[in-house]
PDB file of N, CA and C in Angstrom:
ATOM      1  N   MET A   1     268.925 142.410 158.127  1.00  0.00           N
ATOM      2  CA  MET A   1     268.255 140.921 157.925  1.00  0.00           C
ATOM      3  C   MET A   1     267.212 140.505 156.513  1.00  0.00           C
ATOM      4  N   GLY A   2     267.890 139.026 155.776  1.00  0.00           N
ATOM      5  CA  GLY A   2     266.629 139.254 154.874  1.00  0.00           C
ATOM      6  C   GLY A   2     265.719 138.590 155.209  1.00  0.00           C
ATOM      7  N   LYS A   3     264.770 137.859 154.385  1.00  0.00           N
ATOM      8  CA  LYS A   3     263.509 136.912 154.762  1.00  0.00           C
ATOM      9  C   LYS A   3     263.971 135.265 154.859  1.00  0.00           C
ATOM     10  N   GLY A   4     265.401 135.103 154.147  1.00  0.00           N
ATOM     11  CA  GLY A   4     265.625 133.763 155.016  1.00  0.00           C
ATOM     12  C   GLY A   4     266.648 133.977 156.188  1.00  0.00           C
ATOM     13  N   GLN A   5     266.988 134.668 156.542  1.00  0.00           N
ATOM     14  CA  GLN A   5     267.689 134.483 157.667  1.00  0.00           C
ATOM     15  C   GLN A   5     266.356 134.473 158.485  1.00  0.00           C
ATOM     16  N   ARG A   6     265.353 135.790 158.871  1.00  0.00           N
ATOM     17  CA  ARG A   6     264.202 135.473 160.099  1.00  0.00           C
ATOM     18  C   ARG A   6     263.326 134.108 159.608  1.00  0.00           C
ATOM     19  N   VAL A   7     263.455 134.036 158.754  1.00  0.00           N
ATOM     20  CA  VAL A   7     263.015 132.016 158.246  1.00  0.00           C
ATOM     21  C   VAL A   7     263.738 131.055 159.402  1.00  0.00           C
ATOM     22  N   ARG A   8     264.846 131.455 159.004  1.00  0.00           N
ATOM     23  CA  ARG A   8     266.048 130.270 159.976  1.00  0.00           C
ATOM     24  C   ARG A   8     266.047 130.484 160.836  1.00  0.00           C
ATOM     25  N   ALA A   9     265.728 132.037 161.258  1.00  0.00           N
ATOM     26  CA  ALA A   9     265.899 132.399 162.795  1.00  0.00           C
ATOM     27  C   ALA A   9     264.731 131.887 163.872  1.00  0.00           C
ATOM     28  N   ARG A  10     262.916 132.019 163.348  1.00  0.00           N
ATOM     29  CA  ARG A  10     261.991 131.463 164.068  1.00  0.00           C
ATOM     30  C   ARG A  10     262.547 129.901 163.722  1.00  0.00           C
ATOM     31  N   ARG A  11     262.948 129.363 163.257  1.00  0.00           N
ATOM     32  CA  ARG A  11     263.260 127.576 162.719  1.00  0.00           C
ATOM     33  C   ARG A  11     263.787 127.154 164.179  1.00  0.00           C
ATOM     34  N   VAL A  12     264.855 127.571 164.018  1.00  0.00           N
ATOM     35  CA  VAL A  12     265.753 127.620 165.601  1.00  0.00           C
ATOM     36  C   VAL A  12     264.922 128.340 166.516  1.00  0.00           C
ATOM     37  N   GLU A  13     264.778 129.089 166.788  1.00  0.00           N
ATOM     38  CA  GLU A  13     263.730 129.139 167.871  1.00  0.00           C
ATOM     39  C   GLU A  13     262.536 128.181 168.395  1.00  0.00           C
ATOM     40  N   ARG A  14     261.852 128.298 167.223  1.00  0.00           N
ATOM     41  CA  ARG A  14     260.667 126.964 167.415  1.00  0.00           C
ATOM     42  C   ARG A  14     261.479 125.687 168.136  1.00  0.00           C
ATOM     43  N   ALA A  15     262.616 125.235 167.292  1.00  0.00           N
ATOM     44  CA  ALA A  15     263.173 124.227 168.224  1.00  0.00           C
ATOM     45  C   ALA A  15     262.912 124.051 169.170  1.00  0.00           C
ATOM     46  N   LEU A  16     263.929 125.486 169.228  1.00  0.00           N
ATOM     47  CA  LEU A  16     264.397 125.564 170.765  1.00  0.00           C
ATOM     48  C   LEU A  16     263.385 125.951 172.200  1.00  0.00           C
ATOM     49  N   ASP A  17     262.125 126.042 171.651  1.00  0.00           N
ATOM     50  CA  ASP A  17     260.959 125.775 172.699  1.00  0.00           C
ATOM     51  C   ASP A  17     259.825 125.324 172.850  1.00  0.00           C
ATOM     52  N   ALA A  18     260.326 124.008 171.754  1.00  0.00           N
ATOM     53  CA  ALA A  18     259.333 122.864 171.902  1.00  0.00           C
ATOM     54  C   ALA A  18     259.658 122.344 173.271  1.00  0.00           C
ATOM     55  N   PRO A  19     258.549 121.349 173.746  1.00  0.00           N
ATOM     56  CA  PRO A  19     258.274 121.291 175.124  1.00  0.00           C
ATOM     57  C   PRO A  19     259.685 120.101 175.480  1.00  0.00           C
ATOM     58  N   GLY A  20     260.558 120.027 176.432  1.00  0.00           N
ATOM     59  CA  GLY A  20     261.649 118.771 177.020  1.00  0.00           C
ATOM     60  C   GLY A  20     262.549 119.095 176.147  1.00  0.00           C
ATOM     61  N   THR A  21     263.295 120.235 175.475  1.00  0.00           N
ATOM     62  CA  THR A  21     264.181 120.552 174.568  1.00  0.00           C
ATOM     63  C   THR A  21     265.665 121.274 175.634  1.00  0.00           C
ATOM     64  N   GLN A  22     266.617 120.696 175.815  1.00  0.00           N
ATOM     65  CA  GLN A  22     267.486 120.614 176.794  1.00  0.00           C
ATOM     66  C   GLN A  22     269.008 121.455 176.431  1.00  0.00           C
ATOM     67  N   GLN A  23     268.803 122.747 176.755  1.00  0.00           N
ATOM     68  CA  GLN A  23     269.948 123.794 175.824  1.00  0.00           C
ATOM     69  C   GLN A  23     271.212 122.997 176.052  1.00  0.00           C
ATOM     70  N   GLY A  24     272.076 122.593 175.103  1.00  0.00           N
ATOM     71  CA  GLY A  24     273.047 122.366 174.976  1.00  0.00           C
ATOM     72  C   GLY A  24     273.378 121.438 175.244  1.00  0.00           C
ATOM     73  N   ALA A  25     272.541 120.333 174.473  1.00  0.00           N
ATOM     74  CA  ALA A  25     272.130 119.049 175.132  1.00  0.00           C
ATOM     75  C   ALA A  25     273.170 118.470 173.983  1.00  0.00           C
ATOM     76  N   ALA A  26     273.694 119.025 172.511  1.00  0.00           N
ATOM     77  CA  ALA A  26     274.349 118.864 171.887  1.00  0.00           C
ATOM     78  C   ALA A  26     275.716 119.010 172.131  1.00  0.00           C
ATOM     79  N   PHE A  27     275.915 119.478 173.062  1.00  0.00           N
ATOM     80  CA  PHE A  27     277.280 119.145 173.802  1.00  0.00           C
ATOM     81  C   PHE A  27     277.598 118.531 174.836  1.00  0.00           C
ATOM     82  N   GLY A  28     276.566 117.779 175.610  1.00  0.00           N
ATOM     83  CA  GLY A  28     276.266 116.956 176.654  1.00  0.00           C
ATOM     84  C   GLY A  28     276.207 117.883 177.896  1.00  0.00           C
ATOM     85  N   LEU A  29     275.384 119.028 177.774  1.00  0.00           N
ATOM     86  CA  LEU A  29     275.747 120.102 178.726  1.00  0.00           C
ATOM     87  C   LEU A  29     274.643 120.230 179.161  1.00  0.00           C
ATOM     88  N   GLY A  30     273.207 119.249 178.562  1.00  0.00           N
ATOM     89  CA  GLY A  30     272.029 119.526 178.789  1.00  0.00           C
ATOM     90  C   GLY A  30     271.324 118.792 180.538  1.00  0.00           C
ATOM     91  N   ALA A  31     272.365 118.077 181.191  1.00  0.00           N
ATOM     92  CA  ALA A  31     271.233 117.517 181.693  1.00  0.00           C
ATOM     93  C   ALA A  31     270.916 118.393 182.725  1.00  0.00           C
ATOM     94  N   GLY A  32     269.161 117.757 183.166  1.00  0.00           N
ATOM     95  CA  GLY A  32     268.602 118.687 184.041  1.00  0.00           C
ATOM     96  C   GLY A  32     268.223 120.167 184.020  1.00  0.00           C
ATOM     97  N   VAL A  33     268.048 120.629 182.965  1.00  0.00           N
ATOM     98  CA  VAL A  33     267.664 122.102 182.186  1.00  0.00           C
ATOM     99  C   VAL A  33     267.144 122.107 181.045  1.00  0.00           C
ATOM    100  N   VAL A  34     265.705 121.987 181.263  1.00  0.00           N
ATOM    101  CA  VAL A  34     264.945 122.155 180.371  1.00  0.00           C
ATOM    102  C   VAL A  34     264.283 123.385 179.877  1.00  0.00           C
ATOM    103  N   ARG A  35     264.325 123.898 178.502  1.00  0.00           N
ATOM    104  CA  ARG A  35     264.071 125.340 178.135  1.00  0.00           C
ATOM    105  C   ARG A  35     261.979 124.991 178.541  1.00  0.00           C
ATOM    106  N   PRO A  36     261.326 126.360 179.570  1.00  0.00           N
ATOM    107  CA  PRO A  36     260.110 126.039 179.265  1.00  0.00           C
ATOM    108  C   PRO A  36     259.227 126.561 177.616  1.00  0.00           C
ATOM    109  N   PRO A  37     258.810 126.225 178.009  1.00  0.00           N
ATOM    110  CA  PRO A  37     257.616 126.980 176.701  1.00  0.00           C
ATOM    111  C   PRO A  37     257.256 127.861 176.356  1.00  0.00           C
ATOM    112  N   ARG A  38     257.071 129.090 175.551  1.00  0.00           N
ATOM    113  CA  ARG A  38     257.108 130.126 175.068  1.00  0.00           C
ATOM    114  C   ARG A  38     255.652 130.554 176.061  1.00  0.00           C
ATOM    115  N   GLY A  39     256.339 131.647 176.856  1.00  0.00           N
ATOM    116  CA  GLY A  39     255.044 132.458 178.279  1.00  0.00           C
ATOM    117  C   GLY A  39     255.261 131.523 179.377  1.00  0.00           C
ATOM    118  N   VAL A  40     255.693 130.801 179.490  1.00  0.00           N
ATOM    119  CA  VAL A  40     255.357 130.152 180.949  1.00  0.00           C
ATOM    120  C   VAL A  40     257.258 130.408 181.503  1.00  0.00           C
ATOM    121  N   GLY A  41     257.130 131.582 181.593  1.00  0.00           N
ATOM    122  CA  GLY A  41     258.511 132.318 182.586  1.00  0.00           C
ATOM    123  C   GLY A  41     259.518 131.761 182.021  1.00  0.00           C
ATOM    124  N   SER A  42     260.658 132.864 182.212  1.00  0.00           N
ATOM    125  CA  SER A  42     261.607 133.126 181.227  1.00  0.00           C
ATOM    126  C   SER A  42     262.860 131.847 182.027  1.00  0.00           C
ATOM    127  N   ALA A  43     262.926 131.736 183.353  1.00  0.00           N
ATOM    128  CA  ALA A  43     264.377 131.207 183.763  1.00  0.00           C
ATOM    129  C   ALA A  43     263.900 129.428 183.794  1.00  0.00           C
ATOM    130  N   PRO A  44     265.552 128.780 183.183  1.00  0.00           N
ATOM    131  CA  PRO A  44     265.616 127.464 183.342  1.00  0.00           C
ATOM    132  C   PRO A  44     264.925 126.880 184.381  1.00  0.00           C
ATOM    133  N   VAL A  45     264.348 125.476 184.136  1.00  0.00           N
ATOM    134  CA  VAL A  45     263.837 125.084 184.914  1.00  0.00           C
ATOM    135  C   VAL A  45     264.892 123.549 185.400  1.00  0.00           C
ATOM    136  N   GLY A  46     265.416 123.479 186.536  1.00  0.00           N
ATOM    137  CA  GLY A  46     266.304 122.695 186.887  1.00  0.00           C
ATOM    138  C   GLY A  46     267.169 122.887 188.247  1.00  0.00           C
ATOM    139  N   THR A  47     268.008 122.467 188.549  1.00  0.00           N
ATOM    140  CA  THR A  47     269.251 123.018 189.422  1.00  0.00           C
ATOM    141  C   THR A  47     269.418 124.422 189.188  1.00  0.00           C
ATOM    142  N   GLN A  48     271.477 124.232 189.064  1.00  0.00           N
ATOM    143  CA  GLN A  48     271.570 125.418 189.076  1.00  0.00           C
ATOM    144  C   GLN A  48     272.806 125.696 187.803  1.00  0.00           C
ATOM    145  N   GLY A  49     271.875 126.501 186.759  1.00  0.00           N
ATOM    146  CA  GLY A  49     272.358 126.444 185.101  1.00  0.00           C
ATOM    147  C   GLY A  49     272.569 125.223 184.482  1.00  0.00           C
ATOM    148  N   LEU A  50     273.648 124.927 183.819  1.00  0.00           N
ATOM    149  CA  LEU A  50     273.976 124.344 182.992  1.00  0.00           C
ATOM    150  C   LEU A  50     274.963 122.897 183.773  1.00  0.00           C
ATOM    151  N   ASP A  51     273.920 121.787 183.694  1.00  0.00           N
ATOM    152  CA  ASP A  51     275.053 120.276 184.375  1.00  0.00           C
ATOM    153  C   ASP A  51     275.138 120.344 184.045  1.00  0.00           C
ATOM    154  N   VAL A  52     276.857 119.947 183.913  1.00  0.00           N
ATOM    155  CA  VAL A  52     277.397 118.684 182.782  1.00  0.00           C
ATOM    156  C   VAL A  52     277.251 117.631 182.862  1.00  0.00           C
ATOM    157  N   ALA A  53     276.860 117.182 184.315  1.00  0.00           N
ATOM    158  CA  ALA A  53     276.911 115.542 183.908  1.00  0.00           C
ATOM    159  C   ALA A  53     275.772 115.183 185.670  1.00  0.00           C
ATOM    160  N   ALA A  54     274.966 114.627 185.525  1.00  0.00           N
ATOM    161  CA  ALA A  54     273.754 114.327 186.509  1.00  0.00           C
ATOM    162  C   ALA A  54     274.633 113.947 187.764  1.00  0.00           C
ATOM    163  N   ASN A  55     275.394 112.992 187.327  1.00  0.00           N
ATOM    164  CA  ASN A  55     276.351 112.473 188.130  1.00  0.00           C
ATOM    165  C   ASN A  55     277.453 113.342 189.321  1.00  0.00           C
ATOM    166  N   VAL A  56     277.426 114.267 188.477  1.00  0.00           N
ATOM    167  CA  VAL A  56     278.916 115.025 188.875  1.00  0.00           C
ATOM    168  C   VAL A  56     278.154 115.448 190.212  1.00  0.00           C
ATOM    169  N   PRO A  57     279.228 116.134 190.809  1.00  0.00           N
ATOM    170  CA  PRO A  57     278.869 116.723 192.414  1.00  0.00           C
ATOM    171  C   PRO A  57     279.052 118.136 191.698  1.00  0.00           C
ATOM    172  N   ALA A  58     278.134 119.246 192.643  1.00  0.00           N
ATOM    173  CA  ALA A  58     278.742 120.633 191.889  1.00  0.00           C
ATOM    174  C   ALA A  58     279.912 121.175 192.926  1.00  0.00           C
ATOM    175  N   GLY A  59     280.525 121.891 192.075  1.00  0.00           N
ATOM    176  CA  GLY A  59     281.674 122.647 192.462  1.00  0.00           C
ATOM    177  C   GLY A  59     282.962 122.190 191.404  1.00  0.00           C
ATOM    178  N   PRO A  60     284.194 122.055 192.143  1.00  0.00           N
ATOM    179  CA  PRO A  60     285.336 122.105 191.784  1.00  0.00           C
ATOM    180  C   PRO A  60     285.322 120.547 190.009  1.00  0.00           C
ATOM    181  N   ASP A  61     285.023 120.092 191.031  1.00  0.00           N
ATOM    182  CA  ASP A  61     285.322 118.782 189.900  1.00  0.00           C
ATOM    183  C   ASP A  61     284.474 118.643 188.898  1.00  0.00           C
ATOM    184  N   ARG A  62     283.266 119.331 188.704  1.00  0.00           N
ATOM    185  CA  ARG A  62     282.170 119.379 187.937  1.00  0.00           C
ATOM    186  C   ARG A  62     282.685 120.753 186.725  1.00  0.00           C
ATOM    187  N   VAL A  63     283.424 121.755 187.374  1.00  0.00           N
ATOM    188  CA  VAL A  63     284.059 122.877 186.876  1.00  0.00           C
ATOM    189  C   VAL A  63     285.083 122.040 185.807  1.00  0.00           C
ATOM    190  N   LEU A  64     286.124 120.866 186.868  1.00  0.00           N
ATOM    191  CA  LEU A  64     287.150 120.705 186.072  1.00  0.00           C
ATOM    192  C   LEU A  64     286.598 119.574 184.720  1.00  0.00           C
ATOM    193  N   LYS A  65     285.578 118.871 185.021  1.00  0.00           N
ATOM    194  CA  LYS A  65     285.207 118.092 184.192  1.00  0.00           C
ATOM    195  C   LYS A  65     284.520 118.847 182.511  1.00  0.00           C
ATOM    196  N   SER A  66     283.748 119.801 183.137  1.00  0.00           N
ATOM    197  CA  SER A  66     283.216 120.805 182.188  1.00  0.00           C
ATOM    198  C   SER A  66     284.961 121.549 181.441  1.00  0.00           C
ATOM    199  N   LEU A  67     285.866 122.206 181.687  1.00  0.00           N
ATOM    200  CA  LEU A  67     286.740 122.825 181.211  1.00  0.00           C
ATOM    201  C   LEU A  67     287.830 121.675 180.282  1.00  0.00           C
ATOM    202  N   GLU A  68     287.432 119.800 180.803  1.00  0.00           N
ATOM    203  CA  GLU A  68     288.308 119.260 180.427  1.00  0.00           C
ATOM    204  C   GLU A  68     287.493 118.915 178.931  1.00  0.00           C
ATOM    205  N   ARG A  69     286.285 118.944 178.837  1.00  0.00           N
ATOM    206  CA  ARG A  69     285.517 118.292 177.505  1.00  0.00           C
ATOM    207  C   ARG A  69     285.784 119.950 176.607  1.00  0.00           C
ATOM    208  N   LEU A  70     286.113 121.102 177.282  1.00  0.00           N
ATOM    209  CA  LEU A  70     285.705 121.989 176.423  1.00  0.00           C
ATOM    210  C   LEU A  70     287.162 122.244 175.850  1.00  0.00           C
ATOM    211  N   SER A  71     288.027 121.660 176.443  1.00  0.00           N
ATOM    212  CA  SER A  71     289.572 121.633 175.750  1.00  0.00           C
ATOM    213  C   SER A  71     289.262 120.522 174.211  1.00  0.00           C
ATOM    214  N   GLU A  72     288.590 118.860 175.031  1.00  0.00           N
ATOM    215  CA  GLU A  72     288.176 118.315 173.918  1.00  0.00           C
ATOM    216  C   GLU A  72     287.860 118.791 172.603  1.00  0.00           C
ATOM    217  N   LEU A  73     286.732 119.804 172.970  1.00  0.00           N
ATOM    218  CA  LEU A  73     286.049 119.879 172.139  1.00  0.00           C
ATOM    219  C   LEU A  73     286.890 121.020 171.070  1.00  0.00           C
ATOM    220  N   ALA A  74     287.654 121.756 171.665  1.00  0.00           N
ATOM    221  CA  ALA A  74     288.194 122.768 170.971  1.00  0.00           C
ATOM    222  C   ALA A  74     289.532 122.437 170.095  1.00  0.00           C
ATOM    223  N   ALA A  75     289.939 121.136 170.614  1.00  0.00           N
ATOM    224  CA  ALA A  75     290.666 120.538 169.764  1.00  0.00           C
ATOM    225  C   ALA A  75     290.416 119.444 168.773  1.00  0.00           C
ATOM    226  N   ALA A  76     289.139 118.953 168.905  1.00  0.00           N
ATOM    227  CA  ALA A  76     288.475 118.289 167.721  1.00  0.00           C
ATOM    228  C   ALA A  76     288.369 119.984 166.348  1.00  0.00           C
ATOM    229  N   ARG A  77     287.962 121.003 167.105  1.00  0.00           N
ATOM    230  CA  ARG A  77     287.620 121.764 166.220  1.00  0.00           C
ATOM    231  C   ARG A  77     288.489 122.311 165.625  1.00  0.00           C
ATOM    232  N   ALA A  78     289.444 122.238 165.745  1.00  0.00           N
ATOM    233  CA  ALA A  78     290.892 123.100 165.547  1.00  0.00           C
ATOM    234  C   ALA A  78     291.712 122.036 164.059  1.00  0.00           C
ATOM    235  N   GLU A  79     291.121 120.583 164.789  1.00  0.00           N
ATOM    236  CA  GLU A  79     291.308 119.293 163.718  1.00  0.00           C
ATOM    237  C   GLU A  79     290.566 120.010 162.434  1.00  0.00           C
ATOM    238  N   LEU A  80     289.163 119.925 162.378  1.00  0.00           N
ATOM    239  CA  LEU A  80     288.504 119.728 161.692  1.00  0.00           C
ATOM    240  C   LEU A  80     288.791 121.133 160.998  1.00  0.00           C
ATOM    241  N   LEU A  81     288.694 122.414 161.196  1.00  0.00           N
ATOM    242  CA  LEU A  81     289.363 123.234 160.070  1.00  0.00           C
ATOM    243  C   LEU A  81     290.356 122.907 159.801  1.00  0.00           C
ATOM    244  N   ARG A  82     291.511 122.496 159.960  1.00  0.00           N
ATOM    245  CA  ARG A  82     292.406 122.021 159.430  1.00  0.00           C
ATOM    246  C   ARG A  82     292.422 120.794 158.207  1.00  0.00           C
ATOM    247  N   GLU A  83     291.637 120.246 158.544  1.00  0.00           N
ATOM    248  CA  GLU A  83     291.105 119.288 157.387  1.00  0.00           C
ATOM    249  C   GLU A  83     290.318 120.012 156.677  1.00  0.00           C
ATOM    250  N   LEU A  84     289.257 121.023 156.680  1.00  0.00           N
ATOM    251  CA  LEU A  84     288.784 121.407 155.727  1.00  0.00           C
ATOM    252  C   LEU A  84     289.607 122.967 155.312  1.00  0.00           C
ATOM    253  N   HIS A  85     289.867 123.473 155.299  1.00  0.00           N
ATOM    254  CA  HIS A  85     291.118 124.501 154.778  1.00  0.00           C
ATOM    255  C   HIS A  85     291.864 123.337 153.942  1.00  0.00           C
ATOM    256  N   THR A  86     292.645 122.040 154.263  1.00  0.00           N
ATOM    257  CA  THR A  86     292.911 120.880 153.323  1.00  0.00           C
ATOM    258  C   THR A  86     291.807 120.958 152.154  1.00  0.00           C
ATOM    259  N   ALA A  87     291.241 120.608 152.261  1.00  0.00           N
ATOM    260  CA  ALA A  87     290.121 120.321 151.398  1.00  0.00           C
ATOM    261  C   ALA A  87     289.744 121.331 150.552  1.00  0.00           C
ATOM    262  N   ASP A  88     289.620 122.654 150.904  1.00  0.00           N
ATOM    263  CA  ASP A  88     289.003 123.401 149.922  1.00  0.00           C
ATOM    264  C   ASP A  88     290.012 123.767 149.203  1.00  0.00           C
ATOM    265  N   GLU A  89     291.761 124.008 149.715  1.00  0.00           N
ATOM    266  CA  GLU A  89     292.879 124.556 148.681  1.00  0.00           C
ATOM    267  C   GLU A  89     292.822 122.927 147.443  1.00  0.00           C
ATOM    268  N   GLU A  90     292.511 121.499 148.046  1.00  0.00           N
ATOM    269  CA  GLU A  90     292.250 120.480 146.942  1.00  0.00           C
ATOM    270  C   GLU A  90     291.778 121.071 145.630  1.00  0.00           C
ATOM    271  N   ILE A  91     290.206 121.353 146.585  1.00  0.00           N
ATOM    272  CA  ILE A  91     288.824 121.470 145.301  1.00  0.00           C
ATOM    273  C   ILE A  91     289.502 122.902 144.681  1.00  0.00           C
ATOM    274  N   VAL A  92     290.253 123.526 145.424  1.00  0.00           N
ATOM    275  CA  VAL A  92     290.078 124.617 144.343  1.00  0.00           C
ATOM    276  C   VAL A  92     291.902 124.688 143.466  1.00  0.00           C
ATOM    277  N   SER A  93     292.480 123.867 143.260  1.00  0.00           N
ATOM    278  CA  SER A  93     293.547 123.279 142.492  1.00  0.00           C
ATOM    279  C   SER A  93     292.439 122.108 141.711  1.00  0.00           C
ATOM    280  N   ALA A  94     292.072 121.461 141.838  1.00  0.00           N
ATOM    281  CA  ALA A  94     290.804 120.690 141.128  1.00  0.00           C
ATOM    282  C   ALA A  94     290.074 121.149 139.892  1.00  0.00           C
ATOM    283  N   VAL A  95     289.472 122.819 140.593  1.00  0.00           N
ATOM    284  CA  VAL A  95     288.775 123.832 139.460  1.00  0.00           C
ATOM    285  C   VAL A  95     289.607 124.191 138.380  1.00  0.00           C
ATOM    286  N   SER A  96     291.183 124.794 139.366  1.00  0.00           N
ATOM    287  CA  SER A  96     291.933 125.233 137.781  1.00  0.00           C
ATOM    288  C   SER A  96     292.621 124.339 136.924  1.00  0.00           C
ATOM    289  N   HIS A  97     292.185 122.720 137.673  1.00  0.00           N
ATOM    290  CA  HIS A  97     292.805 121.805 136.475  1.00  0.00           C
ATOM    291  C   HIS A  97     291.893 121.884 135.394  1.00  0.00           C
ATOM    292  N   LEU A  98     290.674 121.255 136.268  1.00  0.00           N
ATOM    293  CA  LEU A  98     289.546 121.370 134.851  1.00  0.00           C
ATOM    294  C   LEU A  98     289.122 122.545 134.063  1.00  0.00           C
ATOM    295  N   ARG A  99     289.988 123.866 134.676  1.00  0.00           N
ATOM    296  CA  ARG A  99     288.961 125.000 133.159  1.00  0.00           C
ATOM    297  C   ARG A  99     290.234 125.028 132.579  1.00  0.00           C
ATOM    298  N   VAL A 100     291.830 124.393 133.183  1.00  0.00           N
ATOM    299  CA  VAL A 100     293.228 124.293 132.251  1.00  0.00           C
ATOM    300  C   VAL A 100     292.412 123.271 131.360  1.00  0.00           C
ATOM    301  N   ASP A 101     291.404 122.458 131.411  1.00  0.00           N
ATOM    302  CA  ASP A 101     291.524 120.878 130.599  1.00  0.00           C
ATOM    303  C   ASP A 101     290.262 121.044 129.672  1.00  0.00           C
ATOM    304  N   GLY A 102     289.496 122.477 130.366  1.00  0.00           N
ATOM    305  CA  GLY A 102     288.181 122.243 129.433  1.00  0.00           C
ATOM    306  C   GLY A 102     286.797 122.132 129.987  1.00  0.00           C
ATOM    307  N   ALA A 103     286.658 121.640 131.017  1.00  0.00           N
ATOM    308  CA  ALA A 103     285.343 121.746 131.243  1.00  0.00           C
ATOM    309  C   ALA A 103     284.974 123.006 131.541  1.00  0.00           C
ATOM    310  N   SER A 104     283.672 123.066 131.505  1.00  0.00           N
ATOM    311  CA  SER A 104     282.613 123.885 131.764  1.00  0.00           C
ATOM    312  C   SER A 104     281.941 124.286 133.077  1.00  0.00           C
ATOM    313  N   TRP A 105     281.739 125.927 133.166  1.00  0.00           N
ATOM    314  CA  TRP A 105     281.839 126.437 134.599  1.00  0.00           C
ATOM    315  C   TRP A 105     280.102 125.632 134.964  1.00  0.00           C
ATOM    316  N   SER A 106     279.230 125.282 134.038  1.00  0.00           N
ATOM    317  CA  SER A 106     278.138 124.775 134.367  1.00  0.00           C
ATOM    318  C   SER A 106     278.481 123.086 135.098  1.00  0.00           C
ATOM    319  N   ARG A 107     279.374 122.574 134.324  1.00  0.00           N
ATOM    320  CA  ARG A 107     279.632 121.072 134.823  1.00  0.00           C
ATOM    321  C   ARG A 107     280.716 121.167 136.235  1.00  0.00           C
ATOM    322  N   ILE A 108     281.353 121.983 136.197  1.00  0.00           N
ATOM    323  CA  ILE A 108     281.896 122.090 138.025  1.00  0.00           C
ATOM    324  C   ILE A 108     281.098 122.629 138.738  1.00  0.00           C
ATOM    325  N   GLY A 109     279.726 123.022 138.714  1.00  0.00           N
ATOM    326  CA  GLY A 109     278.740 123.734 139.390  1.00  0.00           C
ATOM    327  C   GLY A 109     278.055 122.571 140.156  1.00  0.00           C
ATOM    328  N   ALA A 110     277.413 121.782 138.760  1.00  0.00           N
ATOM    329  CA  ALA A 110     276.976 120.706 138.843  1.00  0.00           C
ATOM    330  C   ALA A 110     277.484 119.689 139.545  1.00  0.00           C
ATOM    331  N   VAL A 111     278.727 119.495 139.653  1.00  0.00           N
ATOM    332  CA  VAL A 111     279.194 118.440 140.979  1.00  0.00           C
ATOM    333  C   VAL A 111     279.687 119.268 142.325  1.00  0.00           C
ATOM    334  N   LEU A 112     279.804 120.368 142.306  1.00  0.00           N
ATOM    335  CA  LEU A 112     280.181 121.195 143.545  1.00  0.00           C
ATOM    336  C   LEU A 112     278.439 121.596 144.705  1.00  0.00           C
ATOM    337  N   GLY A 113     277.306 120.803 143.401  1.00  0.00           N
ATOM    338  CA  GLY A 113     276.309 121.480 143.634  1.00  0.00           C
ATOM    339  C   GLY A 113     275.590 123.177 143.670  1.00  0.00           C
ATOM    340  N   ILE A 114     276.324 123.656 142.896  1.00  0.00           N
ATOM    341  CA  ILE A 114     275.965 125.187 142.849  1.00  0.00           C
ATOM    342  C   ILE A 114     275.938 125.891 141.776  1.00  0.00           C
ATOM    343  N   THR A 115     275.501 126.664 141.112  1.00  0.00           N
ATOM    344  CA  THR A 115     275.175 127.320 139.795  1.00  0.00           C
ATOM    345  C   THR A 115     276.479 127.012 139.350  1.00  0.00           C
ATOM    346  N   ARG A 116     276.325 127.291 137.736  1.00  0.00           N
ATOM    347  CA  ARG A 116     277.560 127.980 137.294  1.00  0.00           C
ATOM    348  C   ARG A 116     278.366 129.156 137.823  1.00  0.00           C
ATOM    349  N   GLN A 117     277.300 130.202 137.562  1.00  0.00           N
ATOM    350  CA  GLN A 117     277.239 131.439 138.059  1.00  0.00           C
ATOM    351  C   GLN A 117     278.521 131.574 139.450  1.00  0.00           C
ATOM    352  N   GLY A 118     277.772 130.926 140.625  1.00  0.00           N
ATOM    353  CA  GLY A 118     278.171 130.248 141.820  1.00  0.00           C
ATOM    354  C   GLY A 118     279.997 130.179 141.288  1.00  0.00           C
ATOM    355  N   ALA A 119     279.917 128.848 140.206  1.00  0.00           N
ATOM    356  CA  ALA A 119     281.031 128.110 140.780  1.00  0.00           C
ATOM    357  C   ALA A 119     282.320 129.109 139.738  1.00  0.00           C
ATOM    358  N   ARG A 120     281.759 130.173 139.134  1.00  0.00           N
ATOM    359  CA  ARG A 120     282.850 131.195 138.338  1.00  0.00           C
ATOM    360  C   ARG A 120     283.004 132.201 139.050  1.00  0.00           C
ATOM    361  N   GLN A 121     281.823 132.653 139.894  1.00  0.00           N
ATOM    362  CA  GLN A 121     282.498 133.656 140.931  1.00  0.00           C
ATOM    363  C   GLN A 121     283.662 133.552 141.436  1.00  0.00           C
ATOM    364  N   ARG A 122     282.797 132.077 142.223  1.00  0.00           N
ATOM    365  CA  ARG A 122     284.187 131.762 143.338  1.00  0.00           C
ATOM    366  C   ARG A 122     285.495 130.711 142.870  1.00  0.00           C
ATOM    367  N   PHE A 123     285.729 130.571 141.613  1.00  0.00           N
ATOM    368  CA  PHE A 123     287.142 129.795 141.283  1.00  0.00           C
ATOM    369  C   PHE A 123     287.485 130.779 140.378  1.00  0.00           C
ATOM    370  N   GLY A 124     286.541 130.970 139.746  1.00  0.00           N
ATOM    371  CA  GLY A 124     287.091 131.976 138.266  1.00  0.00           C
ATOM    372  C   GLY A 124     288.204 133.343 138.411  1.00  0.00           C
ATOM    373  N   THR A 125     288.711 133.822 137.137  1.00  0.00           N
ATOM    374  CA  THR A 125     289.679 134.721 137.453  1.00  0.00           C
ATOM    375  C   THR A 125     289.306 135.863 138.000  1.00  0.00           C
ATOM    376  N   GLY A 126     290.365 136.490 139.155  1.00  0.00           N
ATOM    377  CA  GLY A 126     290.434 137.486 140.170  1.00  0.00           C
ATOM    378  C   GLY A 126     288.937 136.874 140.817  1.00  0.00           C
ATOM    379  N   ALA A 127     288.886 135.608 141.332  1.00  0.00           N
ATOM    380  CA  ALA A 127     288.728 135.268 142.753  1.00  0.00           C
ATOM    381  C   ALA A 127     289.120 135.330 142.917  1.00  0.00           C
ATOM    382  N   ARG A 128     288.991 135.937 144.820  1.00  0.00           N
ATOM    383  CA  ARG A 128     289.207 135.769 145.860  1.00  0.00           C
ATOM    384  C   ARG A 128     290.005 134.542 146.198  1.00  0.00           C
ATOM    385  N   ARG A 129     291.827 133.991 146.335  1.00  0.00           N
ATOM    386  CA  ARG A 129     291.626 132.974 146.964  1.00  0.00           C
ATOM    387  C   ARG A 129     292.063 132.881 148.026  1.00  0.00           C
TER     388      ARG A 129
END
């Protein structure tokens, strides 16, 4: 693990260790589950694991609602991946056309927010497509 990865891992850990941070809050799963500050025990504070919604009774209803939400998230993820793949193909095509028209790797890299060398390695001759 490189230094950058260690730094990022520490930042994520610190963010999760902040008092009042709810696990799974980004997915709507964090109701009632709060991760305790470091050194204050290891078990989550709350009822039983991740409550999907505070008003949903425990049992099959909660599981069904959770599965429905998971299904929605999976469908949204699949759609975003399709759009991302399409955008990547369009970028590759645009870079190819720009190179034929005489654009430099420096200008292409600047537009993409990467270095000249990064653009050449990613889109140049012999690059994996």
